[in-house]
Amino acid sequence: MKVKINMISLKVGIWISLVILMFRETLSLKNVHLIVPEAAERGSTVEMKCLYELEGETLYSVKWYRGDREFCRYSPRDVPPLKIFPIPGIEVQVSFYIILHYTLLFYTILCYTILHYTILNLVRIFKEGILQFA
């Protein structure tokens, strides 16, 4: 299987890393982990988590993407705080469980989350995971 690297994403990832390094002394967001199962059956319920420690900072948002499409956003200051953006094959329940429905025999998706904090929304943490369906 050939893999094509998206240079725009690579540059953004490098930029994000540089921003984090520049603010390393003042960075209060620690221990960011994305928990995504390695495999799941079609139509099953999958729990995906983004764990983090804010250390006194205020969370701005946690955004979930499949590819380049956002499908879920949690922003505690917004009303309502949870926003769901429909994508065929993904159903997000209010309990933050994500149900994925696909009709293909084999399917792999790259899910990632972007975590924002601070009032100016300047620092972003990017984590990714791969979920394969059988």
C-alpha atoms as a PDB file:
ATOM      1  CA  MET A   1       0.000   0.000   0.000  1.00  0.00           C
ATOM      2  CA  LYS A   2       1.357   3.412  -0.950  1.00  0.00           C
ATOM      3  CA  VAL A   3       1.033   6.259   1.499  1.00  0.00           C
ATOM      4  CA  LYS A   4       0.883   9.837   0.266  1.00  0.00           C
ATOM      5  CA  ILE A   5       2.035  12.429   2.779  1.00  0.00           C
ATOM      6  CA  ASN A   6       0.089  15.653   2.806  1.00  0.00           C
ATOM      7  CA  MET A   7       2.795  18.328   3.004  1.00  0.00           C
ATOM      8  CA  ILE A   8       0.359  20.960   4.302  1.00  0.00           C
ATOM      9  CA  SER A   9      -0.476  18.752   7.288  1.00  0.00           C
ATOM     10  CA  LEU A  10       3.196  18.045   7.832  1.00  0.00           C
ATOM     11  CA  LYS A  11       4.018  21.758   7.853  1.00  0.00           C
ATOM     12  CA  VAL A  12       1.151  22.475  10.242  1.00  0.00           C
ATOM     13  CA  GLY A  13       2.364  19.695  12.525  1.00  0.00           C
ATOM     14  CA  ILE A  14       5.865  21.142  12.529  1.00  0.00           C
ATOM     15  CA  TRP A  15       4.505  24.644  13.209  1.00  0.00           C
ATOM     16  CA  ILE A  16       2.453  23.355  16.121  1.00  0.00           C
ATOM     17  CA  SER A  17       5.533  21.603  17.516  1.00  0.00           C
ATOM     18  CA  LEU A  18       7.552  24.811  17.235  1.00  0.00           C
ATOM     19  CA  VAL A  19       4.860  26.819  19.016  1.00  0.00           C
ATOM     20  CA  ILE A  20       4.823  24.270  21.822  1.00  0.00           C
ATOM     21  CA  LEU A  21       8.625  24.384  22.109  1.00  0.00           C
ATOM     22  CA  MET A  22       8.609  28.194  22.190  1.00  0.00           C
ATOM     23  CA  PHE A  23       6.085  28.241  25.025  1.00  0.00           C
ATOM     24  CA  ARG A  24       7.489  25.219  26.832  1.00  0.00           C
ATOM     25  CA  GLU A  25       8.334  27.247  29.952  1.00  0.00           C
ATOM     26  CA  THR A  26       4.774  28.569  30.276  1.00  0.00           C
ATOM     27  CA  LEU A  27       2.867  25.604  28.833  1.00  0.00           C
ATOM     28  CA  SER A  28       0.311  24.430  31.394  1.00  0.00           C
ATOM     29  CA  LEU A  29      -1.252  21.706  29.263  1.00  0.00           C
ATOM     30  CA  LYS A  30       0.352  18.397  30.232  1.00  0.00           C
ATOM     31  CA  ASN A  31       0.036  14.673  29.597  1.00  0.00           C
ATOM     32  CA  VAL A  32      -2.170  14.791  26.501  1.00  0.00           C
ATOM     33  CA  HIS A  33      -3.153  11.278  25.395  1.00  0.00           C
ATOM     34  CA  LEU A  34      -5.532  10.145  22.673  1.00  0.00           C
ATOM     35  CA  ILE A  35      -7.055   6.720  23.323  1.00  0.00           C
ATOM     36  CA  VAL A  36      -8.435   5.064  20.178  1.00  0.00           C
ATOM     37  CA  PRO A  37      -8.903   1.292  19.828  1.00  0.00           C
ATOM     38  CA  GLU A  38      -6.731  -0.344  17.157  1.00  0.00           C
ATOM     39  CA  ALA A  39      -9.639  -2.267  15.618  1.00  0.00           C
ATOM     40  CA  ALA A  40     -13.442  -2.473  15.764  1.00  0.00           C
ATOM     41  CA  GLU A  41     -16.297  -4.314  14.069  1.00  0.00           C
ATOM     42  CA  ARG A  42     -18.589  -2.447  11.704  1.00  0.00           C
ATOM     43  CA  GLY A  43     -21.562  -0.939  13.527  1.00  0.00           C
ATOM     44  CA  SER A  44     -19.998  -1.366  16.943  1.00  0.00           C
ATOM     45  CA  THR A  45     -19.784   1.280  19.629  1.00  0.00           C
ATOM     46  CA  VAL A  46     -16.290   2.659  20.049  1.00  0.00           C
ATOM     47  CA  GLU A  47     -15.094   4.772  22.945  1.00  0.00           C
ATOM     48  CA  MET A  48     -12.465   7.355  22.046  1.00  0.00           C
ATOM     49  CA  LYS A  49     -10.912   9.571  24.702  1.00  0.00           C
ATOM     50  CA  CYS A  50      -8.687  12.622  24.823  1.00  0.00           C
ATOM     51  CA  LEU A  51      -7.077  12.818  28.254  1.00  0.00           C
ATOM     52  CA  TYR A  52      -5.203  15.897  29.437  1.00  0.00           C
ATOM     53  CA  GLU A  53      -4.207  17.955  32.470  1.00  0.00           C
ATOM     54  CA  LEU A  54      -4.808  21.711  32.311  1.00  0.00           C
ATOM     55  CA  GLU A  55      -2.933  22.715  35.481  1.00  0.00           C
ATOM     56  CA  GLY A  56      -5.084  25.755  36.201  1.00  0.00           C
ATOM     57  CA  GLU A  57      -5.669  26.854  32.600  1.00  0.00           C
ATOM     58  CA  THR A  58      -9.112  27.134  30.983  1.00  0.00           C
ATOM     59  CA  LEU A  59     -10.095  24.675  28.275  1.00  0.00           C
ATOM     60  CA  TYR A  60     -11.238  26.346  25.065  1.00  0.00           C
ATOM     61  CA  SER A  61     -12.177  23.279  23.023  1.00  0.00           C
ATOM     62  CA  VAL A  62     -11.495  19.687  22.083  1.00  0.00           C
ATOM     63  CA  LYS A  63     -12.172  18.926  18.413  1.00  0.00           C
ATOM     64  CA  TRP A  64     -12.428  15.490  16.793  1.00  0.00           C
ATOM     65  CA  TYR A  65     -11.772  14.920  13.103  1.00  0.00           C
ATOM     66  CA  ARG A  66     -11.954  12.104  10.594  1.00  0.00           C
ATOM     67  CA  GLY A  67      -9.550  13.093   7.867  1.00  0.00           C
ATOM     68  CA  ASP A  68     -10.041  16.821   7.386  1.00  0.00           C
ATOM     69  CA  ARG A  69     -13.685  16.858   8.527  1.00  0.00           C
ATOM     70  CA  GLU A  70     -14.594  17.797  12.071  1.00  0.00           C
ATOM     71  CA  PHE A  71     -17.318  15.575  13.517  1.00  0.00           C
ATOM     72  CA  CYS A  72     -17.427  16.566  17.183  1.00  0.00           C
ATOM     73  CA  ARG A  73     -16.449  19.612  19.241  1.00  0.00           C
ATOM     74  CA  TYR A  74     -16.571  20.167  22.975  1.00  0.00           C
ATOM     75  CA  SER A  75     -16.295  23.824  24.028  1.00  0.00           C
ATOM     76  CA  PRO A  76     -17.303  24.268  27.685  1.00  0.00           C
ATOM     77  CA  ARG A  77     -18.018  28.014  27.253  1.00  0.00           C
ATOM     78  CA  ASP A  78     -20.518  27.453  24.420  1.00  0.00           C
ATOM     79  CA  VAL A  79     -24.217  26.691  24.846  1.00  0.00           C
ATOM     80  CA  PRO A  80     -24.631  23.820  24.291  1.00  0.00           C
ATOM     81  CA  PRO A  81     -21.025  22.785  24.969  1.00  0.00           C
ATOM     82  CA  LEU A  82     -21.174  19.724  22.683  1.00  0.00           C
ATOM     83  CA  LYS A  83     -21.588  20.235  18.927  1.00  0.00           C
ATOM     84  CA  ILE A  84     -21.919  17.347  16.502  1.00  0.00           C
ATOM     85  CA  PHE A  85     -21.291  17.703  12.763  1.00  0.00           C
ATOM     86  CA  PRO A  86     -22.869  14.904  10.694  1.00  0.00           C
ATOM     87  CA  ILE A  87     -20.539  12.684   8.685  1.00  0.00           C
ATOM     88  CA  PRO A  88     -21.910   9.545   7.006  1.00  0.00           C
ATOM     89  CA  GLY A  89     -20.925   6.495   9.038  1.00  0.00           C
ATOM     90  CA  ILE A  90     -20.265   8.318  12.307  1.00  0.00           C
ATOM     91  CA  GLU A  91     -22.866   8.852  14.993  1.00  0.00           C
ATOM     92  CA  VAL A  92     -21.867  10.637  18.201  1.00  0.00           C
ATOM     93  CA  GLN A  93     -24.026  10.015  21.241  1.00  0.00           C
ATOM     94  CA  VAL A  94     -24.456  12.673  23.911  1.00  0.00           C
ATOM     95  CA  SER A  95     -22.454  10.486  26.299  1.00  0.00           C
ATOM     96  CA  PHE A  96     -19.412  11.127  24.057  1.00  0.00           C
ATOM     97  CA  TYR A  97     -19.434   7.571  22.726  1.00  0.00           C
ATOM     98  CA  ILE A  98     -18.774   7.400  19.008  1.00  0.00           C
ATOM     99  CA  ILE A  99     -20.612   4.805  16.907  1.00  0.00           C
ATOM    100  CA  LEU A 100     -19.090   4.082  13.531  1.00  0.00           C
ATOM    101  CA  HIS A 101     -21.113   2.423  10.766  1.00  0.00           C
ATOM    102  CA  TYR A 102     -19.467   1.293   7.524  1.00  0.00           C
ATOM    103  CA  THR A 103     -20.583  -1.078   4.808  1.00  0.00           C
ATOM    104  CA  LEU A 104     -17.119  -1.832   3.446  1.00  0.00           C
ATOM    105  CA  LEU A 105     -15.422  -5.061   4.445  1.00  0.00           C
ATOM    106  CA  PHE A 106     -12.207  -3.346   5.466  1.00  0.00           C
ATOM    107  CA  TYR A 107     -11.824   0.296   6.297  1.00  0.00           C
ATOM    108  CA  THR A 108      -9.185   2.296   8.103  1.00  0.00           C
ATOM    109  CA  ILE A 109      -9.619   5.842   9.330  1.00  0.00           C
ATOM    110  CA  LEU A 110      -7.222   8.300  10.826  1.00  0.00           C
ATOM    111  CA  CYS A 111      -8.925  10.024  13.728  1.00  0.00           C
ATOM    112  CA  TYR A 112      -7.307  12.921  15.431  1.00  0.00           C
ATOM    113  CA  THR A 113      -8.190  15.513  17.963  1.00  0.00           C
ATOM    114  CA  ILE A 114      -7.018  19.068  18.428  1.00  0.00           C
ATOM    115  CA  LEU A 115      -7.073  20.439  21.938  1.00  0.00           C
ATOM    116  CA  HIS A 116      -7.123  24.228  22.371  1.00  0.00           C
ATOM    117  CA  TYR A 117      -6.603  26.183  25.520  1.00  0.00           C
ATOM    118  CA  THR A 118      -5.960  29.763  26.640  1.00  0.00           C
ATOM    119  CA  ILE A 119      -8.187  32.731  25.937  1.00  0.00           C
ATOM    120  CA  LEU A 120      -6.344  33.683  22.754  1.00  0.00           C
ATOM    121  CA  ASN A 121      -6.510  30.114  21.429  1.00  0.00           C
ATOM    122  CA  LEU A 122      -2.818  30.260  20.477  1.00  0.00           C
ATOM    123  CA  VAL A 123      -1.582  26.918  21.765  1.00  0.00           C
ATOM    124  CA  ARG A 124      -2.853  23.778  20.089  1.00  0.00           C
ATOM    125  CA  ILE A 125      -1.987  20.170  20.776  1.00  0.00           C
ATOM    126  CA  PHE A 126      -2.439  17.638  17.974  1.00  0.00           C
ATOM    127  CA  LYS A 127      -2.779  13.908  18.664  1.00  0.00           C
ATOM    128  CA  GLU A 128      -3.757  11.191  16.215  1.00  0.00           C
ATOM    129  CA  GLY A 129      -4.761   7.537  16.220  1.00  0.00           C
ATOM    130  CA  ILE A 130      -5.652   4.959  13.584  1.00  0.00           C
ATOM    131  CA  LEU A 131      -8.782   2.823  13.866  1.00  0.00           C
ATOM    132  CA  GLN A 132      -9.169  -0.178  11.552  1.00  0.00           C
ATOM    133  CA  PHE A 133     -12.493  -1.886  10.809  1.00  0.00           C
ATOM    134  CA  ALA A 134     -13.027  -5.498   9.853  1.00  0.00           C
END
